[in-house]
C-alpha atoms as a PDB file:
ATOM      1  CA  MET A   1     -27.246   6.091  10.537  1.00  0.00           C
ATOM      2  CA  ILE A   2     -25.266   6.895   7.367  1.00  0.00           C
ATOM      3  CA  VAL A   3     -23.967  10.161   8.872  1.00  0.00           C
ATOM      4  CA  LEU A   4     -22.712   8.212  11.890  1.00  0.00           C
ATOM      5  CA  SER A   5     -20.992   5.668   9.592  1.00  0.00           C
ATOM      6  CA  ILE A   6     -19.223   8.457   7.677  1.00  0.00           C
ATOM      7  CA  LEU A   7     -18.116  10.019  10.977  1.00  0.00           C
ATOM      8  CA  ILE A   8     -16.795   6.649  12.195  1.00  0.00           C
ATOM      9  CA  LEU A   9     -14.968   6.200   8.851  1.00  0.00           C
ATOM     10  CA  LEU A  10     -13.235   9.580   9.237  1.00  0.00           C
ATOM     11  CA  ILE A  11     -12.355   8.886  12.887  1.00  0.00           C
ATOM     12  CA  GLY A  12     -11.028   5.475  11.825  1.00  0.00           C
ATOM     13  CA  PHE A  13      -8.778   7.059   9.168  1.00  0.00           C
ATOM     14  CA  ALA A  14      -7.515   9.629  11.693  1.00  0.00           C
ATOM     15  CA  ALA A  15      -6.773   6.863  14.237  1.00  0.00           C
ATOM     16  CA  LEU A  16      -4.919   4.818  11.592  1.00  0.00           C
ATOM     17  CA  ILE A  17      -2.734   7.724  10.483  1.00  0.00           C
ATOM     18  CA  LYS A  18      -1.940   9.067  13.977  1.00  0.00           C
ATOM     19  CA  GLY A  19      -1.510   5.555  15.401  1.00  0.00           C
ATOM     20  CA  ALA A  20       0.988   4.686  12.650  1.00  0.00           C
ATOM     21  CA  ASP A  21       2.837   7.950  13.320  1.00  0.00           C
ATOM     22  CA  TRP A  22       3.139   7.236  17.058  1.00  0.00           C
ATOM     23  CA  PHE A  23       4.114   3.614  16.405  1.00  0.00           C
ATOM     24  CA  VAL A  24       6.942   4.730  14.108  1.00  0.00           C
ATOM     25  CA  ASP A  25       8.151   7.384  16.581  1.00  0.00           C
ATOM     26  CA  GLY A  26       8.136   4.988  19.533  1.00  0.00           C
ATOM     27  CA  SER A  27       9.636   1.960  17.814  1.00  0.00           C
ATOM     28  CA  SER A  28      12.322   3.856  15.856  1.00  0.00           C
ATOM     29  CA  ASN A  29      13.450   5.709  19.008  1.00  0.00           C
ATOM     30  CA  LEU A  30      13.508   2.451  20.971  1.00  0.00           C
ATOM     31  CA  ALA A  31      15.565   0.767  18.226  1.00  0.00           C
ATOM     32  CA  MET A  32      18.080   3.633  18.256  1.00  0.00           C
ATOM     33  CA  ILE A  33      18.373   3.466  22.052  1.00  0.00           C
ATOM     34  CA  PHE A  34      19.488  -0.150  21.595  1.00  0.00           C
ATOM     35  CA  LYS A  35      21.974   0.946  18.875  1.00  0.00           C
ATOM     36  CA  VAL A  36      20.127  -0.485  15.862  1.00  0.00           C
ATOM     37  CA  PRO A  37      21.489   1.367  12.781  1.00  0.00           C
ATOM     38  CA  GLY A  38      19.148   4.112  11.585  1.00  0.00           C
ATOM     39  CA  VAL A  39      19.120   2.887   7.993  1.00  0.00           C
ATOM     40  CA  ILE A  40      17.833  -0.528   9.100  1.00  0.00           C
ATOM     41  CA  VAL A  41      15.189   1.180  11.237  1.00  0.00           C
ATOM     42  CA  GLY A  42      14.080   3.085   8.138  1.00  0.00           C
ATOM     43  CA  LEU A  43      13.946  -0.020   5.958  1.00  0.00           C
ATOM     44  CA  THR A  44      11.957  -2.055   8.477  1.00  0.00           C
ATOM     45  CA  ILE A  45      10.120  -0.247  11.277  1.00  0.00           C
ATOM     46  CA  VAL A  46       9.375   3.020   9.456  1.00  0.00           C
ATOM     47  CA  ALA A  47       8.395   1.264   6.216  1.00  0.00           C
ATOM     48  CA  MET A  48       6.079  -1.120   8.100  1.00  0.00           C
ATOM     49  CA  GLY A  49       4.663   1.779  10.095  1.00  0.00           C
ATOM     50  CA  THR A  50       3.666   3.708   6.965  1.00  0.00           C
ATOM     51  CA  SER A  51       1.984   0.535   5.649  1.00  0.00           C
ATOM     52  CA  ALA A  52       0.223  -0.093   8.978  1.00  0.00           C
ATOM     53  CA  PRO A  53      -3.121   1.493   7.886  1.00  0.00           C
ATOM     54  CA  GLU A  54      -3.383  -0.842   4.885  1.00  0.00           C
ATOM     55  CA  LEU A  55      -2.302  -3.815   7.029  1.00  0.00           C
ATOM     56  CA  ALA A  56      -4.900  -3.026   9.712  1.00  0.00           C
ATOM     57  CA  VAL A  57      -7.732  -2.593   7.196  1.00  0.00           C
ATOM     58  CA  SER A  58      -6.917  -5.677   5.106  1.00  0.00           C
ATOM     59  CA  THR A  59      -6.351  -7.903   8.154  1.00  0.00           C
ATOM     60  CA  SER A  60      -9.555  -6.684   9.827  1.00  0.00           C
ATOM     61  CA  ALA A  61     -11.435  -7.284   6.573  1.00  0.00           C
ATOM     62  CA  ALA A  62      -9.989 -10.800   6.226  1.00  0.00           C
ATOM     63  CA  LEU A  63     -10.920 -11.681   9.814  1.00  0.00           C
ATOM     64  CA  ALA A  64     -14.433 -10.291   9.272  1.00  0.00           C
ATOM     65  CA  GLY A  65     -14.817 -12.229   6.030  1.00  0.00           C
ATOM     66  CA  SER A  66     -15.019  -9.017   3.956  1.00  0.00           C
ATOM     67  CA  ASN A  67     -12.726 -10.443   1.308  1.00  0.00           C
ATOM     68  CA  GLU A  68     -13.530  -7.864  -1.369  1.00  0.00           C
ATOM     69  CA  ILE A  69     -12.278  -5.017   0.849  1.00  0.00           C
ATOM     70  CA  ALA A  70      -9.129  -6.947   1.875  1.00  0.00           C
ATOM     71  CA  LEU A  71      -7.981  -7.409  -1.730  1.00  0.00           C
ATOM     72  CA  SER A  72      -9.312  -4.200  -3.318  1.00  0.00           C
ATOM     73  CA  ASN A  73      -7.695  -2.097  -0.562  1.00  0.00           C
ATOM     74  CA  VAL A  74      -4.252  -3.412  -1.564  1.00  0.00           C
ATOM     75  CA  ILE A  75      -4.917  -3.000  -5.301  1.00  0.00           C
ATOM     76  CA  GLY A  76      -6.425   0.476  -4.814  1.00  0.00           C
ATOM     77  CA  SER A  77      -3.598   1.656  -2.535  1.00  0.00           C
ATOM     78  CA  ASN A  78      -0.962   0.523  -5.045  1.00  0.00           C
ATOM     79  CA  MET A  79      -2.785   2.272  -7.909  1.00  0.00           C
ATOM     80  CA  PHE A  80      -3.120   5.450  -5.828  1.00  0.00           C
ATOM     81  CA  ASN A  81       0.583   5.373  -4.881  1.00  0.00           C
ATOM     82  CA  LEU A  82       1.779   4.844  -8.463  1.00  0.00           C
ATOM     83  CA  LEU A  83      -0.598   7.180 -10.265  1.00  0.00           C
ATOM     84  CA  VAL A  84      -1.574   9.917  -7.783  1.00  0.00           C
ATOM     85  CA  VAL A  85       1.268  10.135  -5.227  1.00  0.00           C
ATOM     86  CA  LEU A  86       4.023   9.836  -7.839  1.00  0.00           C
ATOM     87  CA  GLY A  87       2.001  11.719 -10.487  1.00  0.00           C
ATOM     88  CA  VAL A  88       1.249  14.732  -8.259  1.00  0.00           C
ATOM     89  CA  CYS A  89       4.906  14.872  -7.094  1.00  0.00           C
ATOM     90  CA  ALA A  90       6.104  14.875 -10.722  1.00  0.00           C
ATOM     91  CA  MET A  91       3.624  17.625 -11.628  1.00  0.00           C
ATOM     92  CA  ILE A  92       5.048  19.794  -8.820  1.00  0.00           C
ATOM     93  CA  HIS A  93       8.718  18.972  -9.485  1.00  0.00           C
ATOM     94  CA  LYS A  94      10.532  16.550 -11.807  1.00  0.00           C
ATOM     95  CA  VAL A  95      11.202  13.332  -9.862  1.00  0.00           C
ATOM     96  CA  PRO A  96      14.653  11.707 -10.269  1.00  0.00           C
ATOM     97  CA  VAL A  97      14.942   7.904 -10.033  1.00  0.00           C
ATOM     98  CA  ASP A  98      17.810   6.136  -8.282  1.00  0.00           C
ATOM     99  CA  ASN A  99      19.702   3.426 -10.204  1.00  0.00           C
ATOM    100  CA  ALA A 100      19.203   0.873  -7.412  1.00  0.00           C
ATOM    101  CA  ILE A 101      15.421   1.264  -7.698  1.00  0.00           C
ATOM    102  CA  LEU A 102      15.530   0.728 -11.474  1.00  0.00           C
ATOM    103  CA  ARG A 103      17.798  -2.328 -11.182  1.00  0.00           C
ATOM    104  CA  ARG A 104      16.370  -3.991  -8.058  1.00  0.00           C
ATOM    105  CA  ASP A 105      13.199  -2.660  -6.430  1.00  0.00           C
ATOM    106  CA  PHE A 106      11.032  -1.798  -9.440  1.00  0.00           C
ATOM    107  CA  PRO A 107      11.687  -5.126 -11.276  1.00  0.00           C
ATOM    108  CA  ILE A 108      10.864  -6.990  -8.036  1.00  0.00           C
ATOM    109  CA  CYS A 109       7.662  -4.932  -7.736  1.00  0.00           C
ATOM    110  CA  ILE A 110       6.671  -5.789 -11.326  1.00  0.00           C
ATOM    111  CA  GLY A 111       7.463  -9.478 -10.772  1.00  0.00           C
ATOM    112  CA  THR A 112       5.450  -9.616  -7.523  1.00  0.00           C
ATOM    113  CA  THR A 113       2.481  -7.836  -9.134  1.00  0.00           C
ATOM    114  CA  PHE A 114       2.358 -10.312 -12.029  1.00  0.00           C
ATOM    115  CA  PHE A 115       2.830 -13.234  -9.605  1.00  0.00           C
ATOM    116  CA  VAL A 116      -0.320 -12.155  -7.732  1.00  0.00           C
ATOM    117  CA  LEU A 117      -2.184 -11.622 -11.033  1.00  0.00           C
ATOM    118  CA  ILE A 118      -1.296 -15.141 -12.221  1.00  0.00           C
ATOM    119  CA  MET A 119      -2.125 -16.757  -8.874  1.00  0.00           C
ATOM    120  CA  ILE A 120      -5.586 -15.172  -8.656  1.00  0.00           C
ATOM    121  CA  GLY A 121      -6.382 -15.321 -12.392  1.00  0.00           C
ATOM    122  CA  TYR A 122      -5.160 -18.639 -13.766  1.00  0.00           C
ATOM    123  CA  LYS A 123      -8.392 -20.440 -12.811  1.00  0.00           C
ATOM    124  CA  ALA A 124     -10.546 -17.797 -14.541  1.00  0.00           C
ATOM    125  CA  VAL A 125      -8.460 -18.100 -17.714  1.00  0.00           C
ATOM    126  CA  ALA A 126      -8.573 -21.914 -17.639  1.00  0.00           C
ATOM    127  CA  ASP A 127     -12.373 -21.945 -17.108  1.00  0.00           C
ATOM    128  CA  GLY A 128     -13.073 -19.169 -19.636  1.00  0.00           C
ATOM    129  CA  MET A 129     -14.632 -16.908 -16.982  1.00  0.00           C
ATOM    130  CA  LEU A 130     -13.232 -13.557 -18.166  1.00  0.00           C
ATOM    131  CA  SER A 131     -16.619 -12.013 -18.960  1.00  0.00           C
ATOM    132  CA  GLY A 132     -20.020 -11.791 -17.304  1.00  0.00           C
ATOM    133  CA  ASP A 133     -21.101 -10.689 -13.839  1.00  0.00           C
ATOM    134  CA  MET A 134     -18.414  -8.501 -12.235  1.00  0.00           C
ATOM    135  CA  ALA A 135     -19.414  -9.743  -8.766  1.00  0.00           C
ATOM    136  CA  ALA A 136     -19.004 -13.414  -9.751  1.00  0.00           C
ATOM    137  CA  GLU A 137     -16.180 -15.220  -7.950  1.00  0.00           C
ATOM    138  CA  VAL A 138     -13.633 -16.364 -10.544  1.00  0.00           C
ATOM    139  CA  GLY A 139     -10.514 -17.093  -8.502  1.00  0.00           C
ATOM    140  CA  MET A 140      -8.889 -17.304  -5.089  1.00  0.00           C
ATOM    141  CA  ALA A 141      -6.053 -15.605  -3.225  1.00  0.00           C
ATOM    142  CA  SER A 142      -5.077 -18.794  -1.439  1.00  0.00           C
ATOM    143  CA  ARG A 143      -3.052 -19.473   1.695  1.00  0.00           C
ATOM    144  CA  VAL A 144      -0.330 -20.914  -0.553  1.00  0.00           C
ATOM    145  CA  MET A 145      -0.117 -17.555  -2.329  1.00  0.00           C
ATOM    146  CA  GLY A 146      -0.155 -15.699   0.998  1.00  0.00           C
ATOM    147  CA  ILE A 147       2.648 -17.789   2.490  1.00  0.00           C
ATOM    148  CA  SER A 148       4.666 -17.458  -0.740  1.00  0.00           C
ATOM    149  CA  LEU A 149       4.320 -13.660  -0.567  1.00  0.00           C
ATOM    150  CA  LEU A 150       5.464 -13.640   3.074  1.00  0.00           C
ATOM    151  CA  VAL A 151       8.507 -15.740   2.118  1.00  0.00           C
ATOM    152  CA  PHE A 152       9.264 -13.243  -0.685  1.00  0.00           C
ATOM    153  CA  PHE A 153       8.883 -10.438   1.863  1.00  0.00           C
ATOM    154  CA  VAL A 154      11.420 -11.976   4.273  1.00  0.00           C
ATOM    155  CA  ILE A 155      13.909 -12.556   1.413  1.00  0.00           C
ATOM    156  CA  TYR A 156      13.426  -8.975   0.180  1.00  0.00           C
ATOM    157  CA  LEU A 157      13.887  -7.589   3.701  1.00  0.00           C
ATOM    158  CA  ILE A 158      17.113  -9.584   4.164  1.00  0.00           C
ATOM    159  CA  LEU A 159      18.325  -8.258   0.804  1.00  0.00           C
ATOM    160  CA  LEU A 160      17.625  -4.667   1.877  1.00  0.00           C
ATOM    161  CA  VAL A 161      19.266  -5.029   5.292  1.00  0.00           C
ATOM    162  CA  ARG A 162      22.386  -6.707   3.823  1.00  0.00           C
ATOM    163  CA  ASN A 163      22.688  -3.930   1.246  1.00  0.00           C
ATOM    164  CA  ALA A 164      22.217  -1.276   3.950  1.00  0.00           C
ATOM    165  CA  ILE A 165      24.965  -2.817   6.103  1.00  0.00           C
ATOM    166  CA  LYS A 166      27.273  -3.076   3.078  1.00  0.00           C
ATOM    167  CA  HIS A 167      26.660   0.554   2.088  1.00  0.00           C
ATOM    168  CA  PRO A 168      26.118   2.467   5.360  1.00  0.00           C
ATOM    169  CA  THR A 169      25.081   6.116   5.388  1.00  0.00           C
ATOM    170  CA  GLU A 170      26.010   8.748   7.957  1.00  0.00           C
ATOM    171  CA  GLU A 171      23.411   9.047  10.702  1.00  0.00           C
ATOM    172  CA  GLU A 172      22.287  12.318  12.213  1.00  0.00           C
ATOM    173  CA  GLU A 173      22.552  12.733  15.957  1.00  0.00           C
ATOM    174  CA  LYS A 174      19.113  13.258  17.464  1.00  0.00           C
ATOM    175  CA  GLU A 175      17.662  13.542  20.926  1.00  0.00           C
ATOM    176  CA  LEU A 176      15.966  10.270  21.833  1.00  0.00           C
ATOM    177  CA  LEU A 177      12.796   9.755  23.855  1.00  0.00           C
ATOM    178  CA  PRO A 178      12.957   7.927  27.220  1.00  0.00           C
ATOM    179  CA  VAL A 179      12.258   4.173  27.092  1.00  0.00           C
ATOM    180  CA  TRP A 180       8.940   4.424  28.971  1.00  0.00           C
ATOM    181  CA  LYS A 181       7.629   6.978  26.486  1.00  0.00           C
ATOM    182  CA  CYS A 182       8.725   4.827  23.519  1.00  0.00           C
ATOM    183  CA  ILE A 183       6.840   1.815  24.910  1.00  0.00           C
ATOM    184  CA  LEU A 184       3.768   3.955  25.638  1.00  0.00           C
ATOM    185  CA  LEU A 185       3.759   5.357  22.075  1.00  0.00           C
ATOM    186  CA  ILE A 186       4.105   1.840  20.620  1.00  0.00           C
ATOM    187  CA  LEU A 187       1.225   0.442  22.700  1.00  0.00           C
ATOM    188  CA  ILE A 188      -1.101   3.388  22.019  1.00  0.00           C
ATOM    189  CA  GLY A 189      -0.121   3.365  18.340  1.00  0.00           C
ATOM    190  CA  VAL A 190      -0.876  -0.348  17.928  1.00  0.00           C
ATOM    191  CA  ALA A 191      -4.230   0.039  19.725  1.00  0.00           C
ATOM    192  CA  MET A 192      -5.206   2.957  17.469  1.00  0.00           C
ATOM    193  CA  ILE A 193      -4.136   1.066  14.329  1.00  0.00           C
ATOM    194  CA  ILE A 194      -6.188  -2.014  15.268  1.00  0.00           C
ATOM    195  CA  GLY A 195      -9.231  -0.002  16.380  1.00  0.00           C
ATOM    196  CA  GLY A 196      -9.021   2.331  13.379  1.00  0.00           C
ATOM    197  CA  GLY A 197      -8.781  -0.612  10.974  1.00  0.00           C
ATOM    198  CA  GLN A 198     -11.905  -2.249  12.382  1.00  0.00           C
ATOM    199  CA  ALA A 199     -13.793   1.062  12.343  1.00  0.00           C
ATOM    200  CA  VAL A 200     -12.897   1.691   8.692  1.00  0.00           C
ATOM    201  CA  VAL A 201     -13.947  -1.799   7.544  1.00  0.00           C
ATOM    202  CA  ARG A 202     -17.290  -1.804   9.375  1.00  0.00           C
ATOM    203  CA  SER A 203     -18.253   1.747   8.410  1.00  0.00           C
ATOM    204  CA  ALA A 204     -17.137   1.171   4.790  1.00  0.00           C
ATOM    205  CA  GLU A 205     -19.419  -1.878   4.563  1.00  0.00           C
ATOM    206  CA  THR A 206     -22.367   0.170   5.891  1.00  0.00           C
ATOM    207  CA  ILE A 207     -21.697   3.036   3.454  1.00  0.00           C
ATOM    208  CA  ALA A 208     -21.330   0.611   0.525  1.00  0.00           C
ATOM    209  CA  THR A 209     -24.670  -1.033   1.341  1.00  0.00           C
ATOM    210  CA  TRP A 210     -26.439   2.326   1.733  1.00  0.00           C
ATOM    211  CA  ALA A 211     -24.978   3.776  -1.497  1.00  0.00           C
ATOM    212  CA  GLY A 212     -25.522   0.623  -3.522  1.00  0.00           C
ATOM    213  CA  MET A 213     -21.768   0.367  -4.161  1.00  0.00           C
ATOM    214  CA  SER A 214     -19.938  -2.928  -4.231  1.00  0.00           C
ATOM    215  CA  LYS A 215     -17.419  -3.630  -1.470  1.00  0.00           C
ATOM    216  CA  THR A 216     -14.833  -4.008  -4.237  1.00  0.00           C
ATOM    217  CA  LEU A 217     -15.470  -0.436  -5.467  1.00  0.00           C
ATOM    218  CA  ILE A 218     -15.433   1.147  -2.016  1.00  0.00           C
ATOM    219  CA  GLY A 219     -12.242  -0.746  -1.128  1.00  0.00           C
ATOM    220  CA  LEU A 220     -10.624   0.334  -4.394  1.00  0.00           C
ATOM    221  CA  THR A 221     -11.496   4.010  -3.917  1.00  0.00           C
ATOM    222  CA  ILE A 222     -12.526   5.417  -0.510  1.00  0.00           C
ATOM    223  CA  VAL A 223     -10.691   2.919   1.717  1.00  0.00           C
ATOM    224  CA  ALA A 224      -7.585   2.808  -0.502  1.00  0.00           C
ATOM    225  CA  VAL A 225      -7.314   6.615  -0.706  1.00  0.00           C
ATOM    226  CA  GLY A 226      -7.852   6.993   3.042  1.00  0.00           C
ATOM    227  CA  THR A 227      -5.141   4.489   3.977  1.00  0.00           C
ATOM    228  CA  SER A 228      -2.716   6.064   1.446  1.00  0.00           C
ATOM    229  CA  LEU A 229      -3.111   9.624   2.771  1.00  0.00           C
ATOM    230  CA  PRO A 230       0.154   9.539   4.816  1.00  0.00           C
ATOM    231  CA  GLU A 231       2.193   8.767   1.677  1.00  0.00           C
ATOM    232  CA  LEU A 232       0.371  11.482  -0.325  1.00  0.00           C
ATOM    233  CA  VAL A 233       0.746  14.238   2.277  1.00  0.00           C
ATOM    234  CA  THR A 234       4.414  13.403   2.974  1.00  0.00           C
ATOM    235  CA  SER A 235       5.280  13.273  -0.738  1.00  0.00           C
ATOM    236  CA  ILE A 236       3.520  16.556  -1.591  1.00  0.00           C
ATOM    237  CA  VAL A 237       5.298  18.391   1.252  1.00  0.00           C
ATOM    238  CA  ALA A 238       8.658  16.966   0.083  1.00  0.00           C
ATOM    239  CA  ALA A 239       7.927  17.855  -3.563  1.00  0.00           C
ATOM    240  CA  LYS A 240       7.061  21.470  -2.680  1.00  0.00           C
ATOM    241  CA  LYS A 241      10.472  21.721  -0.989  1.00  0.00           C
ATOM    242  CA  GLY A 242      12.134  20.179  -4.052  1.00  0.00           C
ATOM    243  CA  GLN A 243      13.093  17.064  -2.055  1.00  0.00           C
ATOM    244  CA  THR A 244      11.810  14.465  -4.540  1.00  0.00           C
ATOM    245  CA  ASP A 245      14.809  12.105  -4.473  1.00  0.00           C
ATOM    246  CA  MET A 246      13.016   9.471  -2.403  1.00  0.00           C
ATOM    247  CA  ALA A 247       9.553   9.767  -4.013  1.00  0.00           C
ATOM    248  CA  VAL A 248       9.868   6.778  -6.382  1.00  0.00           C
ATOM    249  CA  GLY A 249      11.590   4.680  -3.701  1.00  0.00           C
ATOM    250  CA  ASN A 250       8.814   5.413  -1.195  1.00  0.00           C
ATOM    251  CA  VAL A 251       6.080   4.521  -3.712  1.00  0.00           C
ATOM    252  CA  VAL A 252       7.746   1.304  -4.925  1.00  0.00           C
ATOM    253  CA  GLY A 253       8.664   0.277  -1.373  1.00  0.00           C
ATOM    254  CA  SER A 254       5.114   0.899  -0.139  1.00  0.00           C
ATOM    255  CA  ASN A 255       3.669  -1.108  -3.042  1.00  0.00           C
ATOM    256  CA  LEU A 256       6.016  -4.019  -2.335  1.00  0.00           C
ATOM    257  CA  PHE A 257       5.042  -3.987   1.353  1.00  0.00           C
ATOM    258  CA  ASN A 258       1.357  -3.899   0.382  1.00  0.00           C
ATOM    259  CA  LEU A 259       1.688  -6.903  -1.931  1.00  0.00           C
ATOM    260  CA  MET A 260       4.120  -9.042   0.031  1.00  0.00           C
ATOM    261  CA  LEU A 261       3.295  -8.276   3.666  1.00  0.00           C
ATOM    262  CA  ILE A 262      -0.307  -7.050   3.679  1.00  0.00           C
ATOM    263  CA  LEU A 263      -1.795  -9.298   1.001  1.00  0.00           C
ATOM    264  CA  GLY A 264       0.420 -12.104   2.294  1.00  0.00           C
ATOM    265  CA  VAL A 265      -0.869 -11.769   5.878  1.00  0.00           C
ATOM    266  CA  SER A 266      -4.546 -11.279   4.955  1.00  0.00           C
ATOM    267  CA  SER A 267      -4.704 -14.222   2.508  1.00  0.00           C
ATOM    268  CA  SER A 268      -2.772 -16.445   4.942  1.00  0.00           C
ATOM    269  CA  ILE A 269      -5.322 -15.649   7.677  1.00  0.00           C
ATOM    270  CA  HIS A 270      -8.308 -16.308   5.424  1.00  0.00           C
ATOM    271  CA  PRO A 271      -8.269 -17.285   1.705  1.00  0.00           C
ATOM    272  CA  ILE A 272      -9.749 -14.407  -0.302  1.00  0.00           C
ATOM    273  CA  GLY A 273     -12.359 -15.079  -2.964  1.00  0.00           C
ATOM    274  CA  VAL A 274     -11.570 -12.983  -6.049  1.00  0.00           C
ATOM    275  CA  ASN A 275     -14.425 -11.590  -8.153  1.00  0.00           C
ATOM    276  CA  LEU A 276     -14.141 -10.608 -11.810  1.00  0.00           C
ATOM    277  CA  ALA A 277     -13.958  -6.888 -10.975  1.00  0.00           C
ATOM    278  CA  SER A 278     -10.916  -7.414  -8.704  1.00  0.00           C
ATOM    279  CA  LEU A 279      -9.237  -9.569 -11.348  1.00  0.00           C
ATOM    280  CA  TYR A 280      -9.643  -6.769 -13.916  1.00  0.00           C
ATOM    281  CA  ASP A 281      -8.328  -4.245 -11.358  1.00  0.00           C
ATOM    282  CA  MET A 282      -5.260  -6.426 -10.723  1.00  0.00           C
ATOM    283  CA  LEU A 283      -4.634  -6.646 -14.485  1.00  0.00           C
ATOM    284  CA  ILE A 284      -4.932  -2.839 -14.782  1.00  0.00           C
ATOM    285  CA  LEU A 285      -2.513  -2.401 -11.847  1.00  0.00           C
ATOM    286  CA  SER A 286      -0.001  -4.719 -13.552  1.00  0.00           C
ATOM    287  CA  VAL A 287      -0.162  -2.668 -16.770  1.00  0.00           C
ATOM    288  CA  PHE A 288       0.159   0.646 -14.895  1.00  0.00           C
ATOM    289  CA  THR A 289       3.159  -0.679 -12.942  1.00  0.00           C
ATOM    290  CA  VAL A 290       4.957  -1.446 -16.227  1.00  0.00           C
ATOM    291  CA  ILE A 291       3.984   1.953 -17.708  1.00  0.00           C
ATOM    292  CA  THR A 292       5.322   3.779 -14.630  1.00  0.00           C
ATOM    293  CA  PHE A 293       8.557   1.768 -14.813  1.00  0.00           C
ATOM    294  CA  LEU A 294       8.984   2.787 -18.470  1.00  0.00           C
ATOM    295  CA  PHE A 295       8.425   6.449 -17.517  1.00  0.00           C
ATOM    296  CA  CYS A 296      11.140   6.070 -14.859  1.00  0.00           C
ATOM    297  CA  LEU A 297      13.558   4.458 -17.330  1.00  0.00           C
ATOM    298  CA  VAL A 298      13.362   7.351 -19.837  1.00  0.00           C
ATOM    299  CA  GLY A 299      15.865   9.897 -18.609  1.00  0.00           C
ATOM    300  CA  LYS A 300      15.882   8.199 -15.166  1.00  0.00           C
ATOM    301  CA  SER A 301      13.154  10.574 -13.983  1.00  0.00           C
ATOM    302  CA  VAL A 302       9.394  11.178 -14.019  1.00  0.00           C
ATOM    303  CA  LYS A 303       8.624  14.508 -15.700  1.00  0.00           C
ATOM    304  CA  ARG A 304       5.645  16.859 -15.337  1.00  0.00           C
ATOM    305  CA  LEU A 305       3.832  15.623 -18.466  1.00  0.00           C
ATOM    306  CA  GLU A 306       4.296  12.009 -17.391  1.00  0.00           C
ATOM    307  CA  GLY A 307       2.980  12.913 -13.930  1.00  0.00           C
ATOM    308  CA  LEU A 308      -0.127  14.444 -15.515  1.00  0.00           C
ATOM    309  CA  ILE A 309      -0.635  11.290 -17.606  1.00  0.00           C
ATOM    310  CA  LEU A 310      -0.442   9.143 -14.451  1.00  0.00           C
ATOM    311  CA  VAL A 311      -3.074  11.257 -12.652  1.00  0.00           C
ATOM    312  CA  VAL A 312      -5.382  11.166 -15.705  1.00  0.00           C
ATOM    313  CA  LEU A 313      -4.997   7.360 -15.836  1.00  0.00           C
ATOM    314  CA  TYR A 314      -6.101   7.154 -12.191  1.00  0.00           C
ATOM    315  CA  VAL A 315      -9.173   9.325 -12.789  1.00  0.00           C
ATOM    316  CA  GLY A 316     -10.083   7.183 -15.808  1.00  0.00           C
ATOM    317  CA  THR A 317      -9.681   3.987 -13.784  1.00  0.00           C
ATOM    318  CA  VAL A 318     -11.962   5.226 -10.997  1.00  0.00           C
ATOM    319  CA  VAL A 319     -14.612   6.292 -13.536  1.00  0.00           C
ATOM    320  CA  PHE A 320     -14.366   2.900 -15.252  1.00  0.00           C
ATOM    321  CA  ALA A 321     -14.676   1.088 -11.889  1.00  0.00           C
ATOM    322  CA  ALA A 322     -17.751   3.151 -10.957  1.00  0.00           C
ATOM    323  CA  LEU A 323     -19.514   2.606 -14.294  1.00  0.00           C
ATOM    324  CA  ARG A 324     -18.913  -1.115 -14.814  1.00  0.00           C
END
């Protein structure tokens, strides 16, 4: 039974990653056929496509009532992006940071992270519930929070699109797919994303029960790492080629999409009960987000030593989460 669950988990991850890839190919080609500027396609369709695995898992978990996985997947993915994806890239090659990211995107990411922390933690602070059973419910990711995050997401997207129109970049000519193939790729991609998300959630629950792990821990580690694999693989390949210019932007953008869109959608569908372990994880994520921002500010780059520190912080966090 457990072997079958692990196999289903791996198939689910593969379906999520390939489905997202096909969805991006189909939708971006279709947008270009209808003369949508490439930069806007990149800021919207491609960015959403790379976040599709997290969206599918968290939404499936929310619909199934597996609230711990819905929240911990977002927190775990953001930690993995900040500490491992960016850290490994910096260890391979020094990562430069664009001024626009330091002035606009990273501060928005920090603000959104602390907004979520306050919204899910204020009740625990007020009731003095910051110690005790890690599985005890101490707060709530409410529909009000979810809708607020979606509103932030729309405002942020408008800001990005307006900036892209104001500062256009030259677009490369590329051979486009026929319309029928674009639509087919989109439909197959969406089906694989939905099916893969459900497979990951159900198999992760089975594995957690068998291994005696909490759903919070498995969402924070196995599920989060699996859904973040596209970002890791893409960033490592780019770093090996010395093309690290977009690494910080990709990580920060992915984290913003995870918080605003994914957590916004999942908590709007079904309010998410927050246990003490998830509250601590959200606090740790907030601290790590600030630390990473400070690394980026110094010399406007993330250096090899700083990358190593980020990876070590991630390993320490996972060990702490497993032992608590």
